[in-house]
Amino acid sequence: MTVEAIKEAITGLPDEQKSALAAWLNEQTMDDWDRQMQRDFSPGGRGHALVERVKADIRAGRFRPLSEGKPA
């Protein structure tokens, strides 16, 4: 089945079913994104060094709570 055929089939769905499909697709996308974030920020991932640097800054007291960082 092609993407065009899927689009055509979706066009014919009742609004309630389109909404249910949209919610399901959103869950699928978020699950993929969550897995990518897990890989990126786990040991060996491309963002892991950033996580370690943030943790070190917190341990050393080099951070400011978000509530203190808001512009006046």
C-alpha atoms as a PDB file:
ATOM      1  CA  MET A   1       0.000   0.000   0.000  1.00  0.00           C
ATOM      2  CA  THR A   2       1.307   3.438  -0.871  1.00  0.00           C
ATOM      3  CA  VAL A   3       1.212   6.603   1.205  1.00  0.00           C
ATOM      4  CA  GLU A   4      -1.151   8.105  -1.353  1.00  0.00           C
ATOM      5  CA  ALA A   5      -3.534   5.142  -0.975  1.00  0.00           C
ATOM      6  CA  ILE A   6      -3.410   5.519   2.806  1.00  0.00           C
ATOM      7  CA  LYS A   7      -4.135   9.248   2.539  1.00  0.00           C
ATOM      8  CA  GLU A   8      -7.072   8.526   0.269  1.00  0.00           C
ATOM      9  CA  ALA A   9      -8.438   5.920   2.683  1.00  0.00           C
ATOM     10  CA  ILE A  10      -8.092   8.322   5.616  1.00  0.00           C
ATOM     11  CA  THR A  11      -9.997  11.005   3.718  1.00  0.00           C
ATOM     12  CA  GLY A  12     -12.996   8.679   3.623  1.00  0.00           C
ATOM     13  CA  LEU A  13     -13.038   8.007   7.368  1.00  0.00           C
ATOM     14  CA  PRO A  14     -15.630   9.560   9.668  1.00  0.00           C
ATOM     15  CA  ASP A  15     -14.246  12.393  11.825  1.00  0.00           C
ATOM     16  CA  GLU A  16     -14.312  10.237  14.974  1.00  0.00           C
ATOM     17  CA  GLN A  17     -12.124   7.597  13.344  1.00  0.00           C
ATOM     18  CA  LYS A  18      -9.773  10.253  11.949  1.00  0.00           C
ATOM     19  CA  SER A  19      -9.326  11.599  15.484  1.00  0.00           C
ATOM     20  CA  ALA A  20      -8.626   8.123  16.841  1.00  0.00           C
ATOM     21  CA  LEU A  21      -6.074   7.528  14.063  1.00  0.00           C
ATOM     22  CA  ALA A  22      -4.398  10.874  14.722  1.00  0.00           C
ATOM     23  CA  ALA A  23      -4.079  10.036  18.439  1.00  0.00           C
ATOM     24  CA  TRP A  24      -2.591   6.635  17.622  1.00  0.00           C
ATOM     25  CA  LEU A  25      -0.090   8.138  15.163  1.00  0.00           C
ATOM     26  CA  ASN A  26       0.914  10.700  17.773  1.00  0.00           C
ATOM     27  CA  GLU A  27       1.584   7.913  20.299  1.00  0.00           C
ATOM     28  CA  GLN A  28       3.721   6.091  17.746  1.00  0.00           C
ATOM     29  CA  THR A  29       5.756   9.212  17.018  1.00  0.00           C
ATOM     30  CA  MET A  30       6.238  10.038  20.697  1.00  0.00           C
ATOM     31  CA  ASP A  31       7.343   6.484  21.444  1.00  0.00           C
ATOM     32  CA  ASP A  32       9.968   6.734  18.684  1.00  0.00           C
ATOM     33  CA  TRP A  33      11.101  10.127  19.994  1.00  0.00           C
ATOM     34  CA  ASP A  34      11.311   8.819  23.570  1.00  0.00           C
ATOM     35  CA  ARG A  35      13.458   5.886  22.436  1.00  0.00           C
ATOM     36  CA  GLN A  36      15.771   8.242  20.544  1.00  0.00           C
ATOM     37  CA  MET A  37      16.125  10.502  23.611  1.00  0.00           C
ATOM     38  CA  GLN A  38      16.937   7.459  25.752  1.00  0.00           C
ATOM     39  CA  ARG A  39      19.667   6.395  23.310  1.00  0.00           C
ATOM     40  CA  ASP A  40      21.088   9.901  23.003  1.00  0.00           C
ATOM     41  CA  PHE A  41      21.392  10.577  26.723  1.00  0.00           C
ATOM     42  CA  SER A  42      22.433   7.124  27.921  1.00  0.00           C
ATOM     43  CA  PRO A  43      26.122   6.250  28.443  1.00  0.00           C
ATOM     44  CA  GLY A  44      27.769   6.250  25.036  1.00  0.00           C
ATOM     45  CA  GLY A  45      25.064   8.422  23.479  1.00  0.00           C
ATOM     46  CA  ARG A  46      25.830  11.718  21.811  1.00  0.00           C
ATOM     47  CA  GLY A  47      24.208  13.748  24.611  1.00  0.00           C
ATOM     48  CA  HIS A  48      25.618  11.819  27.550  1.00  0.00           C
ATOM     49  CA  ALA A  49      28.546  14.225  28.062  1.00  0.00           C
ATOM     50  CA  LEU A  50      26.044  17.069  28.467  1.00  0.00           C
ATOM     51  CA  VAL A  51      24.140  15.123  31.126  1.00  0.00           C
ATOM     52  CA  GLU A  52      27.361  14.486  33.022  1.00  0.00           C
ATOM     53  CA  ARG A  53      28.375  18.154  32.794  1.00  0.00           C
ATOM     54  CA  VAL A  54      24.985  19.287  34.140  1.00  0.00           C
ATOM     55  CA  LYS A  55      25.184  16.782  36.998  1.00  0.00           C
ATOM     56  CA  ALA A  56      28.689  18.049  37.870  1.00  0.00           C
ATOM     57  CA  ASP A  57      27.466  21.660  37.847  1.00  0.00           C
ATOM     58  CA  ILE A  58      24.598  20.755  40.166  1.00  0.00           C
ATOM     59  CA  ARG A  59      26.925  18.908  42.555  1.00  0.00           C
ATOM     60  CA  ALA A  60      29.283  21.927  42.567  1.00  0.00           C
ATOM     61  CA  GLY A  61      26.429  24.361  43.217  1.00  0.00           C
ATOM     62  CA  ARG A  62      26.847  26.051  39.815  1.00  0.00           C
ATOM     63  CA  PHE A  63      23.193  26.354  38.928  1.00  0.00           C
ATOM     64  CA  ARG A  64      20.279  28.650  39.510  1.00  0.00           C
ATOM     65  CA  PRO A  65      16.716  27.391  39.992  1.00  0.00           C
ATOM     66  CA  LEU A  66      14.464  28.297  37.071  1.00  0.00           C
ATOM     67  CA  SER A  67      12.308  30.483  39.302  1.00  0.00           C
ATOM     68  CA  GLU A  68      15.354  32.713  39.913  1.00  0.00           C
ATOM     69  CA  GLY A  69      16.299  32.890  36.258  1.00  0.00           C
ATOM     70  CA  LYS A  70      13.104  34.530  34.993  1.00  0.00           C
ATOM     71  CA  PRO A  71      13.487  38.059  33.642  1.00  0.00           C
ATOM     72  CA  ALA A  72      11.834  40.746  35.760  1.00  0.00           C
END
